[in-house]
């Protein structure tokens, strides 16, 4: 049976902090709905109704693009070991770019990451837990090192992360501008 909460309890915060992966869902007013898996040490619970997560560079930039039109977001966590549980957080979010005044405050919460493109500041309106009985067991091994190798290759080749953003992260799947760079 699903249970609803207005804020995160200490138990739910501890559950979140144990997770190695979480999923983020967003949608613009029209077009493609996006669900992205997130990993690394990229999420901080600031209080029972606020989470910030680091959005590192990927093949697209759907989340930040969608938030420009529609600030609704869902974050989902699943227990892949131990007691089964699914936790969904519903709320509103905003993307914070390096040019925004909140950038320094939010970046201080994380170790520097060379591909940091946004922080997402998420206000929790409702939390919901459900059983998770259908979620299989998975064993966590380690973080992948692909991102480190990829950024090292970009740096060595002189391409740079901003050029990649310009080429691959400046439009969404639906052709919407991402506004990742100031000149957009």
N, C-alpha and C. Protein backbone atom coordinates (compact mmCIF):
# COMPACT_ATOMS: atom_id res chain seq x y z
N UNK A 1 0.84 -1.18 0.00
CA UNK A 1 0.00 0.00 0.00
C UNK A 1 0.88 1.25 0.00
N UNK A 2 0.63 2.15 -0.91
CA UNK A 2 1.40 3.39 -1.01
C UNK A 2 1.08 4.30 0.18
N UNK A 3 2.12 5.00 0.64
CA UNK A 3 1.96 5.98 1.71
C UNK A 3 2.46 7.33 1.19
N UNK A 4 1.78 8.39 1.60
CA UNK A 4 2.12 9.73 1.15
C UNK A 4 2.61 10.57 2.33
N UNK A 5 3.56 11.44 2.03
CA UNK A 5 4.17 12.30 3.05
C UNK A 5 4.32 13.71 2.48
N UNK A 6 4.22 14.70 3.34
CA UNK A 6 4.42 16.09 2.93
C UNK A 6 5.89 16.47 2.92
N UNK A 7 6.72 15.68 3.61
CA UNK A 7 8.14 15.96 3.66
C UNK A 7 8.89 14.66 3.93
N UNK A 8 10.19 14.69 3.77
CA UNK A 8 11.03 13.52 4.00
C UNK A 8 11.27 13.33 5.49
N UNK A 9 11.10 12.12 5.97
CA UNK A 9 11.45 11.78 7.35
C UNK A 9 12.94 11.45 7.40
N UNK A 10 13.48 11.30 8.58
CA UNK A 10 14.88 10.90 8.73
C UNK A 10 15.13 9.54 8.07
N UNK A 11 14.18 8.62 8.18
CA UNK A 11 14.31 7.30 7.55
C UNK A 11 14.36 7.40 6.03
N UNK A 12 13.51 8.25 5.45
CA UNK A 12 13.52 8.41 4.00
C UNK A 12 14.80 9.09 3.52
N UNK A 13 15.29 10.04 4.29
CA UNK A 13 16.56 10.69 3.94
C UNK A 13 17.69 9.67 3.97
N UNK A 14 17.72 8.82 4.99
CA UNK A 14 18.75 7.78 5.08
C UNK A 14 18.64 6.83 3.89
N UNK A 15 17.42 6.48 3.49
CA UNK A 15 17.22 5.62 2.31
C UNK A 15 17.80 6.28 1.07
N UNK A 16 17.50 7.55 0.85
CA UNK A 16 18.02 8.28 -0.31
C UNK A 16 19.54 8.27 -0.30
N UNK A 17 20.14 8.54 0.83
CA UNK A 17 21.60 8.63 0.92
C UNK A 17 22.29 7.30 0.66
N UNK A 18 21.58 6.18 0.78
CA UNK A 18 22.16 4.86 0.51
C UNK A 18 22.11 4.48 -0.97
N UNK A 19 21.32 5.19 -1.77
CA UNK A 19 21.11 4.79 -3.16
C UNK A 19 22.28 5.19 -4.05
N UNK A 20 22.60 4.33 -5.00
CA UNK A 20 23.68 4.57 -5.96
C UNK A 20 23.15 5.11 -7.28
N UNK A 21 21.84 4.97 -7.50
CA UNK A 21 21.21 5.42 -8.74
C UNK A 21 19.82 5.94 -8.40
N UNK A 22 19.41 6.95 -9.15
CA UNK A 22 18.05 7.45 -9.05
C UNK A 22 17.61 7.88 -10.44
N UNK A 23 16.32 8.11 -10.60
CA UNK A 23 15.76 8.41 -11.91
C UNK A 23 14.98 9.71 -11.84
N UNK A 24 15.14 10.55 -12.86
CA UNK A 24 14.49 11.86 -12.90
C UNK A 24 13.56 11.91 -14.11
N UNK A 25 12.32 12.34 -13.90
CA UNK A 25 11.34 12.46 -14.97
C UNK A 25 10.88 13.89 -15.13
N UNK A 26 10.90 14.37 -16.39
CA UNK A 26 10.43 15.72 -16.72
C UNK A 26 9.74 15.69 -18.07
N UNK A 27 9.01 16.76 -18.38
CA UNK A 27 8.40 16.93 -19.69
C UNK A 27 8.20 18.42 -19.94
N UNK A 28 8.40 18.83 -21.18
CA UNK A 28 8.03 20.20 -21.58
C UNK A 28 6.51 20.22 -21.71
N UNK A 29 5.97 21.35 -22.14
CA UNK A 29 4.52 21.44 -22.28
C UNK A 29 3.98 20.48 -23.34
N UNK A 30 4.75 20.25 -24.38
CA UNK A 30 4.42 19.31 -25.44
C UNK A 30 5.67 18.53 -25.78
N UNK A 31 5.50 17.39 -26.42
CA UNK A 31 6.65 16.65 -26.92
C UNK A 31 7.05 15.50 -26.03
N UNK A 32 8.32 15.17 -26.09
CA UNK A 32 8.89 13.99 -25.47
C UNK A 32 8.95 14.08 -23.95
N UNK A 33 8.52 13.03 -23.28
CA UNK A 33 8.71 12.90 -21.84
C UNK A 33 10.06 12.24 -21.63
N UNK A 34 10.84 12.73 -20.70
CA UNK A 34 12.19 12.21 -20.49
C UNK A 34 12.35 11.61 -19.10
N UNK A 35 12.99 10.45 -19.05
CA UNK A 35 13.37 9.82 -17.79
C UNK A 35 14.87 9.55 -17.88
N UNK A 36 15.62 10.08 -16.94
CA UNK A 36 17.08 9.94 -16.96
C UNK A 36 17.57 9.23 -15.71
N UNK A 37 18.46 8.25 -15.87
CA UNK A 37 19.13 7.67 -14.71
C UNK A 37 20.26 8.60 -14.28
N UNK A 38 20.46 8.72 -12.99
CA UNK A 38 21.53 9.57 -12.45
C UNK A 38 22.36 8.75 -11.47
N UNK A 39 23.64 8.97 -11.48
CA UNK A 39 24.54 8.26 -10.59
C UNK A 39 25.57 9.20 -10.00
N UNK A 40 26.76 8.67 -9.75
CA UNK A 40 27.84 9.41 -9.10
C UNK A 40 27.37 9.91 -7.73
N UNK A 41 28.16 10.73 -7.13
CA UNK A 41 27.82 11.35 -5.85
C UNK A 41 27.19 12.70 -6.19
N UNK A 42 25.96 12.66 -6.72
CA UNK A 42 25.40 13.85 -7.36
C UNK A 42 24.14 14.40 -6.71
N UNK A 43 23.81 13.97 -5.51
CA UNK A 43 22.56 14.41 -4.90
C UNK A 43 22.77 14.76 -3.44
N UNK A 44 22.17 15.86 -3.02
CA UNK A 44 22.22 16.29 -1.62
C UNK A 44 20.80 16.60 -1.14
N UNK A 45 20.45 16.08 0.02
CA UNK A 45 19.21 16.45 0.69
C UNK A 45 19.55 17.62 1.59
N UNK A 46 18.98 18.78 1.29
CA UNK A 46 19.28 19.99 2.07
C UNK A 46 18.37 20.14 3.28
N UNK A 47 17.13 19.70 3.12
CA UNK A 47 16.19 19.68 4.23
C UNK A 47 15.04 18.75 3.84
N UNK A 48 14.07 18.52 4.67
CA UNK A 48 13.01 17.55 4.36
C UNK A 48 12.16 17.89 3.13
N UNK A 49 12.29 19.09 2.59
CA UNK A 49 11.53 19.47 1.40
C UNK A 49 12.39 20.03 0.27
N UNK A 50 13.70 19.81 0.35
CA UNK A 50 14.56 20.37 -0.70
C UNK A 50 15.74 19.44 -0.99
N UNK A 51 15.93 19.19 -2.28
CA UNK A 51 17.04 18.39 -2.77
C UNK A 51 17.75 19.20 -3.86
N UNK A 52 19.05 19.05 -3.94
CA UNK A 52 19.83 19.61 -5.05
C UNK A 52 20.61 18.47 -5.65
N UNK A 53 20.61 18.39 -6.98
CA UNK A 53 21.46 17.40 -7.63
C UNK A 53 22.26 18.03 -8.74
N UNK A 54 23.44 17.49 -8.94
CA UNK A 54 24.39 17.94 -9.95
C UNK A 54 24.05 17.27 -11.27
N UNK A 55 23.80 18.05 -12.28
CA UNK A 55 23.51 17.53 -13.62
C UNK A 55 24.79 17.60 -14.44
N UNK A 56 25.45 16.47 -14.57
CA UNK A 56 26.68 16.44 -15.35
C UNK A 56 26.35 16.24 -16.83
N UNK A 57 27.31 16.53 -17.67
CA UNK A 57 27.12 16.45 -19.11
C UNK A 57 26.76 15.04 -19.55
N UNK A 58 25.83 14.96 -20.46
CA UNK A 58 25.42 13.69 -21.06
C UNK A 58 25.18 13.89 -22.54
N UNK A 59 24.56 12.91 -23.15
CA UNK A 59 24.33 12.96 -24.59
C UNK A 59 23.24 13.96 -24.96
N UNK A 60 22.41 14.33 -24.02
CA UNK A 60 21.37 15.33 -24.24
C UNK A 60 21.26 16.23 -23.03
N UNK A 61 20.32 17.15 -23.08
CA UNK A 61 20.13 18.10 -21.98
C UNK A 61 18.63 18.31 -21.76
N UNK A 62 17.89 17.21 -21.76
CA UNK A 62 16.43 17.28 -21.72
C UNK A 62 15.89 17.87 -20.42
N UNK A 63 16.43 17.46 -19.29
CA UNK A 63 15.89 17.90 -18.00
C UNK A 63 15.89 19.42 -17.89
N UNK A 64 17.04 20.03 -18.11
CA UNK A 64 17.13 21.49 -17.98
C UNK A 64 16.26 22.19 -19.01
N UNK A 65 16.16 21.63 -20.20
CA UNK A 65 15.32 22.21 -21.25
C UNK A 65 13.86 22.18 -20.84
N UNK A 66 13.40 21.03 -20.37
CA UNK A 66 12.00 20.91 -19.97
C UNK A 66 11.65 21.88 -18.84
N UNK A 67 12.57 22.05 -17.91
CA UNK A 67 12.28 22.90 -16.75
C UNK A 67 12.07 24.36 -17.14
N UNK A 68 12.55 24.77 -18.30
CA UNK A 68 12.30 26.14 -18.76
C UNK A 68 10.82 26.38 -19.05
N UNK A 69 10.11 25.32 -19.47
CA UNK A 69 8.69 25.44 -19.80
C UNK A 69 7.78 24.92 -18.69
N UNK A 70 8.22 23.86 -18.04
CA UNK A 70 7.36 23.17 -17.10
C UNK A 70 8.23 22.71 -15.93
N UNK A 71 8.04 23.31 -14.77
CA UNK A 71 8.95 23.06 -13.65
C UNK A 71 8.59 21.82 -12.82
N UNK A 72 7.61 21.03 -13.27
CA UNK A 72 7.26 19.80 -12.55
C UNK A 72 8.33 18.73 -12.78
N UNK A 73 8.63 17.98 -11.72
CA UNK A 73 9.63 16.92 -11.81
C UNK A 73 9.25 15.81 -10.84
N UNK A 74 9.64 14.59 -11.21
CA UNK A 74 9.54 13.44 -10.32
C UNK A 74 10.92 12.82 -10.22
N UNK A 75 11.33 12.49 -9.00
CA UNK A 75 12.57 11.75 -8.77
C UNK A 75 12.16 10.42 -8.14
N UNK A 76 12.72 9.32 -8.65
CA UNK A 76 12.39 8.00 -8.13
C UNK A 76 13.64 7.25 -7.69
N UNK A 77 13.55 6.64 -6.53
CA UNK A 77 14.60 5.79 -5.97
C UNK A 77 14.02 4.40 -5.79
N UNK A 78 14.81 3.36 -6.04
CA UNK A 78 14.39 1.96 -5.85
C UNK A 78 15.43 1.25 -5.01
N UNK A 79 14.98 0.45 -4.08
CA UNK A 79 15.89 -0.41 -3.33
C UNK A 79 16.22 -1.62 -4.19
N UNK A 80 17.50 -1.80 -4.52
CA UNK A 80 17.95 -2.96 -5.29
C UNK A 80 18.58 -4.01 -4.40
N UNK A 81 18.67 -3.70 -3.10
CA UNK A 81 19.12 -4.67 -2.11
C UNK A 81 18.34 -4.41 -0.83
N UNK A 82 18.44 -5.30 0.12
CA UNK A 82 17.74 -5.12 1.38
C UNK A 82 16.23 -5.16 1.24
N UNK A 83 15.55 -4.44 2.11
CA UNK A 83 14.09 -4.40 2.12
C UNK A 83 13.58 -3.70 0.86
N UNK A 84 12.57 -4.28 0.18
CA UNK A 84 12.06 -3.64 -1.03
C UNK A 84 11.37 -2.31 -0.71
N UNK A 85 11.63 -1.32 -1.58
CA UNK A 85 10.99 -0.01 -1.41
C UNK A 85 11.17 0.78 -2.69
N UNK A 86 10.16 1.54 -3.03
CA UNK A 86 10.24 2.56 -4.07
C UNK A 86 9.86 3.87 -3.41
N UNK A 87 10.61 4.90 -3.67
CA UNK A 87 10.32 6.24 -3.17
C UNK A 87 10.25 7.19 -4.36
N UNK A 88 9.11 7.84 -4.49
CA UNK A 88 8.94 8.87 -5.52
C UNK A 88 8.78 10.21 -4.83
N UNK A 89 9.48 11.19 -5.37
CA UNK A 89 9.37 12.56 -4.89
C UNK A 89 8.76 13.41 -5.99
N UNK A 90 7.71 14.14 -5.66
CA UNK A 90 7.02 14.98 -6.63
C UNK A 90 7.23 16.43 -6.21
N UNK A 91 7.50 17.28 -7.19
CA UNK A 91 7.68 18.68 -6.85
C UNK A 91 7.99 19.54 -8.04
N UNK A 92 8.63 20.67 -7.74
CA UNK A 92 8.98 21.65 -8.76
C UNK A 92 10.47 21.93 -8.66
N UNK A 93 11.07 22.17 -9.83
CA UNK A 93 12.52 22.33 -9.88
C UNK A 93 12.92 23.48 -10.80
N UNK A 94 14.13 23.92 -10.60
CA UNK A 94 14.72 24.88 -11.52
C UNK A 94 16.17 24.48 -11.78
N UNK A 95 16.61 24.71 -13.00
CA UNK A 95 18.00 24.46 -13.37
C UNK A 95 18.81 25.72 -13.08
N UNK A 96 19.95 25.53 -12.46
CA UNK A 96 20.86 26.63 -12.14
C UNK A 96 22.12 26.43 -12.97
N UNK A 97 22.43 27.42 -13.81
CA UNK A 97 23.59 27.36 -14.71
C UNK A 97 24.77 28.12 -14.10
N UNK A 98 25.98 27.91 -14.63
CA UNK A 98 27.15 28.62 -14.10
C UNK A 98 27.00 30.14 -14.09
N UNK A 99 26.18 30.70 -14.96
CA UNK A 99 25.98 32.15 -15.03
C UNK A 99 24.99 32.67 -13.99
N UNK A 100 24.29 31.77 -13.29
CA UNK A 100 23.26 32.17 -12.34
C UNK A 100 23.85 32.46 -10.96
N UNK A 101 23.25 33.41 -10.21
CA UNK A 101 23.80 33.80 -8.91
C UNK A 101 23.87 32.67 -7.89
N UNK A 102 23.00 31.64 -7.98
CA UNK A 102 22.99 30.55 -7.01
C UNK A 102 24.08 29.51 -7.28
N UNK A 103 24.78 29.61 -8.41
CA UNK A 103 25.75 28.59 -8.81
C UNK A 103 26.80 28.33 -7.73
N UNK A 104 27.43 29.38 -7.22
CA UNK A 104 28.51 29.20 -6.25
C UNK A 104 28.01 28.53 -4.97
N UNK A 105 26.84 28.92 -4.51
CA UNK A 105 26.26 28.32 -3.30
C UNK A 105 26.02 26.81 -3.50
N UNK A 106 25.46 26.45 -4.64
CA UNK A 106 25.15 25.04 -4.89
C UNK A 106 26.40 24.23 -5.22
N UNK A 107 27.33 24.82 -5.94
CA UNK A 107 28.55 24.08 -6.29
C UNK A 107 29.40 23.78 -5.05
N UNK A 108 29.26 24.58 -4.00
CA UNK A 108 30.00 24.33 -2.76
C UNK A 108 29.54 23.04 -2.07
N UNK A 109 28.39 22.51 -2.46
CA UNK A 109 27.86 21.29 -1.86
C UNK A 109 28.50 20.02 -2.42
N UNK A 110 29.23 20.13 -3.54
CA UNK A 110 29.74 18.97 -4.26
C UNK A 110 31.23 19.13 -4.53
N UNK A 111 31.91 18.00 -4.73
CA UNK A 111 33.27 18.05 -5.25
C UNK A 111 33.19 18.59 -6.67
N UNK A 112 34.19 19.35 -7.08
CA UNK A 112 34.16 19.88 -8.45
C UNK A 112 34.10 18.75 -9.48
N UNK A 113 33.31 18.94 -10.52
CA UNK A 113 33.22 17.97 -11.61
C UNK A 113 33.43 18.72 -12.93
N UNK A 114 34.36 18.26 -13.76
CA UNK A 114 34.69 19.02 -14.98
C UNK A 114 33.56 19.10 -16.00
N UNK A 115 32.52 18.29 -15.86
CA UNK A 115 31.41 18.36 -16.81
C UNK A 115 30.13 18.91 -16.19
N UNK A 116 30.23 19.55 -15.03
CA UNK A 116 29.05 20.13 -14.39
C UNK A 116 28.43 21.17 -15.32
N UNK A 117 27.17 20.99 -15.66
CA UNK A 117 26.52 21.95 -16.56
C UNK A 117 25.35 22.66 -15.89
N UNK A 118 24.72 22.01 -14.92
CA UNK A 118 23.67 22.63 -14.13
C UNK A 118 23.61 21.96 -12.77
N UNK A 119 23.01 22.67 -11.84
CA UNK A 119 22.50 22.07 -10.61
C UNK A 119 20.99 22.18 -10.72
N UNK A 120 20.29 21.19 -10.21
CA UNK A 120 18.83 21.24 -10.23
C UNK A 120 18.37 21.35 -8.79
N UNK A 121 17.69 22.44 -8.51
CA UNK A 121 17.18 22.74 -7.17
C UNK A 121 15.71 22.31 -7.15
N UNK A 122 15.41 21.32 -6.32
CA UNK A 122 14.11 20.63 -6.35
C UNK A 122 13.37 20.84 -5.04
N UNK A 123 12.17 21.40 -5.12
CA UNK A 123 11.31 21.59 -3.95
C UNK A 123 10.29 20.45 -3.91
N UNK A 124 10.34 19.66 -2.85
CA UNK A 124 9.47 18.50 -2.71
C UNK A 124 8.09 18.95 -2.22
N UNK A 125 7.07 18.60 -2.98
CA UNK A 125 5.68 18.88 -2.59
C UNK A 125 5.03 17.66 -1.95
N UNK A 126 5.46 16.45 -2.42
CA UNK A 126 4.91 15.21 -1.87
C UNK A 126 5.92 14.09 -2.07
N UNK A 127 6.02 13.22 -1.08
CA UNK A 127 6.81 12.00 -1.18
C UNK A 127 5.85 10.83 -1.09
N UNK A 128 6.14 9.77 -1.85
CA UNK A 128 5.29 8.58 -1.82
C UNK A 128 6.18 7.35 -1.78
N UNK A 129 5.90 6.46 -0.85
CA UNK A 129 6.58 5.16 -0.83
C UNK A 129 5.61 4.10 -1.29
N UNK A 130 6.16 3.09 -1.94
CA UNK A 130 5.38 1.91 -2.31
C UNK A 130 6.26 0.68 -2.13
N UNK A 131 5.67 -0.48 -2.30
CA UNK A 131 6.30 -1.73 -1.85
C UNK A 131 7.60 -2.08 -2.56
N UNK A 132 7.68 -1.95 -3.85
CA UNK A 132 8.88 -2.34 -4.56
C UNK A 132 9.08 -3.84 -4.68
N UNK A 133 8.04 -4.61 -4.45
CA UNK A 133 8.16 -6.08 -4.49
C UNK A 133 8.62 -6.58 -5.85
N UNK A 134 8.30 -5.87 -6.92
CA UNK A 134 8.66 -6.30 -8.26
C UNK A 134 10.05 -5.86 -8.71
N UNK A 135 10.75 -5.08 -7.89
CA UNK A 135 12.09 -4.62 -8.25
C UNK A 135 13.09 -5.73 -7.92
N UNK A 136 13.87 -6.18 -8.90
CA UNK A 136 14.79 -7.28 -8.64
C UNK A 136 15.99 -6.85 -7.80
N UNK A 137 16.69 -7.82 -7.24
CA UNK A 137 17.94 -7.56 -6.55
C UNK A 137 19.03 -7.30 -7.59
N UNK A 138 19.85 -6.31 -7.34
CA UNK A 138 21.04 -6.04 -8.14
C UNK A 138 22.17 -5.72 -7.19
N UNK A 139 23.37 -6.16 -7.54
CA UNK A 139 24.55 -5.87 -6.72
C UNK A 139 25.33 -4.72 -7.32
N UNK A 140 25.60 -3.73 -6.51
CA UNK A 140 26.43 -2.61 -6.93
C UNK A 140 27.89 -3.04 -6.94
N UNK A 141 28.59 -2.75 -8.03
CA UNK A 141 30.01 -3.08 -8.10
C UNK A 141 30.85 -1.84 -7.87
N UNK A 142 30.72 -0.87 -8.74
CA UNK A 142 31.51 0.36 -8.64
C UNK A 142 30.99 1.36 -9.66
N UNK A 143 31.42 2.61 -9.50
CA UNK A 143 31.11 3.63 -10.50
C UNK A 143 31.92 3.33 -11.77
N UNK A 144 31.35 3.65 -12.90
CA UNK A 144 32.08 3.52 -14.16
C UNK A 144 33.09 4.65 -14.27
N UNK A 145 34.17 4.40 -14.99
CA UNK A 145 35.18 5.45 -15.19
C UNK A 145 35.10 6.06 -16.59
N UNK A 146 34.06 5.73 -17.34
CA UNK A 146 33.91 6.23 -18.71
C UNK A 146 33.89 7.75 -18.79
N UNK A 147 33.19 8.40 -17.86
CA UNK A 147 33.10 9.86 -17.90
C UNK A 147 34.48 10.49 -17.72
N UNK A 148 35.26 9.98 -16.79
CA UNK A 148 36.61 10.51 -16.57
C UNK A 148 37.46 10.36 -17.83
N UNK A 149 37.40 9.20 -18.46
CA UNK A 149 38.17 8.96 -19.69
C UNK A 149 37.68 9.86 -20.83
N UNK A 150 36.37 10.02 -20.93
CA UNK A 150 35.79 10.83 -21.99
C UNK A 150 36.21 12.29 -21.86
N UNK A 151 36.12 12.85 -20.65
CA UNK A 151 36.50 14.26 -20.48
C UNK A 151 38.01 14.44 -20.66
N UNK A 152 38.81 13.47 -20.25
CA UNK A 152 40.25 13.55 -20.47
C UNK A 152 40.56 13.60 -21.96
N UNK A 153 39.88 12.78 -22.75
CA UNK A 153 40.09 12.77 -24.20
C UNK A 153 39.66 14.10 -24.82
N UNK A 154 38.55 14.66 -24.35
CA UNK A 154 38.08 15.96 -24.86
C UNK A 154 39.10 17.05 -24.53
N UNK A 155 39.63 17.02 -23.32
CA UNK A 155 40.59 18.02 -22.88
C UNK A 155 41.89 17.89 -23.69
N UNK A 156 42.38 16.66 -23.83
CA UNK A 156 43.64 16.44 -24.57
C UNK A 156 43.51 16.83 -26.04
N UNK A 157 42.35 16.61 -26.62
CA UNK A 157 42.16 16.93 -28.04
C UNK A 157 41.91 18.42 -28.27
N UNK A 158 41.69 19.16 -27.19
CA UNK A 158 41.44 20.60 -27.31
C UNK A 158 40.01 20.94 -27.67
N UNK A 159 39.13 19.93 -27.75
CA UNK A 159 37.74 20.18 -28.11
C UNK A 159 37.04 20.98 -27.00
N UNK A 160 37.22 20.58 -25.76
CA UNK A 160 36.64 21.30 -24.63
C UNK A 160 35.17 21.02 -24.43
N UNK A 161 34.74 21.14 -23.21
CA UNK A 161 33.36 20.81 -22.85
C UNK A 161 32.37 21.80 -23.43
N UNK A 162 32.71 23.08 -23.51
CA UNK A 162 31.76 24.06 -24.06
C UNK A 162 31.49 23.82 -25.54
N UNK A 163 32.50 23.37 -26.28
CA UNK A 163 32.26 23.03 -27.69
C UNK A 163 31.33 21.84 -27.80
N UNK A 164 31.50 20.86 -26.92
CA UNK A 164 30.59 19.71 -26.91
C UNK A 164 29.17 20.17 -26.59
N UNK A 165 29.03 21.05 -25.59
CA UNK A 165 27.70 21.56 -25.26
C UNK A 165 27.07 22.25 -26.47
N UNK A 166 27.88 23.06 -27.15
CA UNK A 166 27.39 23.80 -28.32
C UNK A 166 26.91 22.82 -29.40
N UNK A 167 27.68 21.76 -29.63
CA UNK A 167 27.36 20.80 -30.69
C UNK A 167 26.27 19.81 -30.30
N UNK A 168 26.25 19.34 -29.05
CA UNK A 168 25.40 18.21 -28.67
C UNK A 168 24.37 18.50 -27.59
N UNK A 169 24.49 19.61 -26.89
CA UNK A 169 23.59 19.89 -25.76
C UNK A 169 22.81 21.19 -25.91
N UNK A 170 22.79 21.80 -27.10
CA UNK A 170 22.12 23.09 -27.21
C UNK A 170 20.68 23.01 -27.72
N UNK A 171 20.24 21.82 -28.11
CA UNK A 171 18.84 21.63 -28.50
C UNK A 171 18.33 20.31 -27.92
N UNK A 172 17.08 20.30 -27.52
CA UNK A 172 16.47 19.08 -26.97
C UNK A 172 16.08 18.14 -28.11
N UNK A 173 15.60 16.96 -27.76
CA UNK A 173 15.11 16.02 -28.76
C UNK A 173 13.98 16.61 -29.59
N UNK A 174 13.21 17.52 -29.00
CA UNK A 174 12.10 18.16 -29.69
C UNK A 174 12.50 19.47 -30.36
N UNK A 175 13.81 19.77 -30.37
CA UNK A 175 14.30 20.97 -31.02
C UNK A 175 14.19 22.23 -30.19
N UNK A 176 13.89 22.10 -28.91
CA UNK A 176 13.80 23.28 -28.04
C UNK A 176 15.20 23.74 -27.64
N UNK A 177 15.42 25.03 -27.53
CA UNK A 177 16.74 25.51 -27.09
C UNK A 177 16.97 25.17 -25.63
N UNK A 178 18.17 24.71 -25.31
CA UNK A 178 18.49 24.34 -23.93
C UNK A 178 18.99 25.53 -23.13
N UNK A 179 19.51 26.54 -23.81
CA UNK A 179 20.09 27.73 -23.17
C UNK A 179 21.26 27.35 -22.24
N UNK A 180 22.00 26.32 -22.61
CA UNK A 180 23.12 25.89 -21.78
C UNK A 180 24.24 26.93 -21.80
N UNK A 181 24.39 27.62 -22.93
CA UNK A 181 25.43 28.66 -23.04
C UNK A 181 24.77 30.02 -23.07
N UNK A 182 25.47 31.00 -22.52
CA UNK A 182 24.89 32.34 -22.43
C UNK A 182 24.52 32.93 -23.77
N UNK A 183 25.30 32.62 -24.81
CA UNK A 183 25.07 33.26 -26.10
C UNK A 183 23.86 32.71 -26.85
N UNK A 184 23.21 31.68 -26.31
CA UNK A 184 22.04 31.12 -26.99
C UNK A 184 20.86 32.06 -26.95
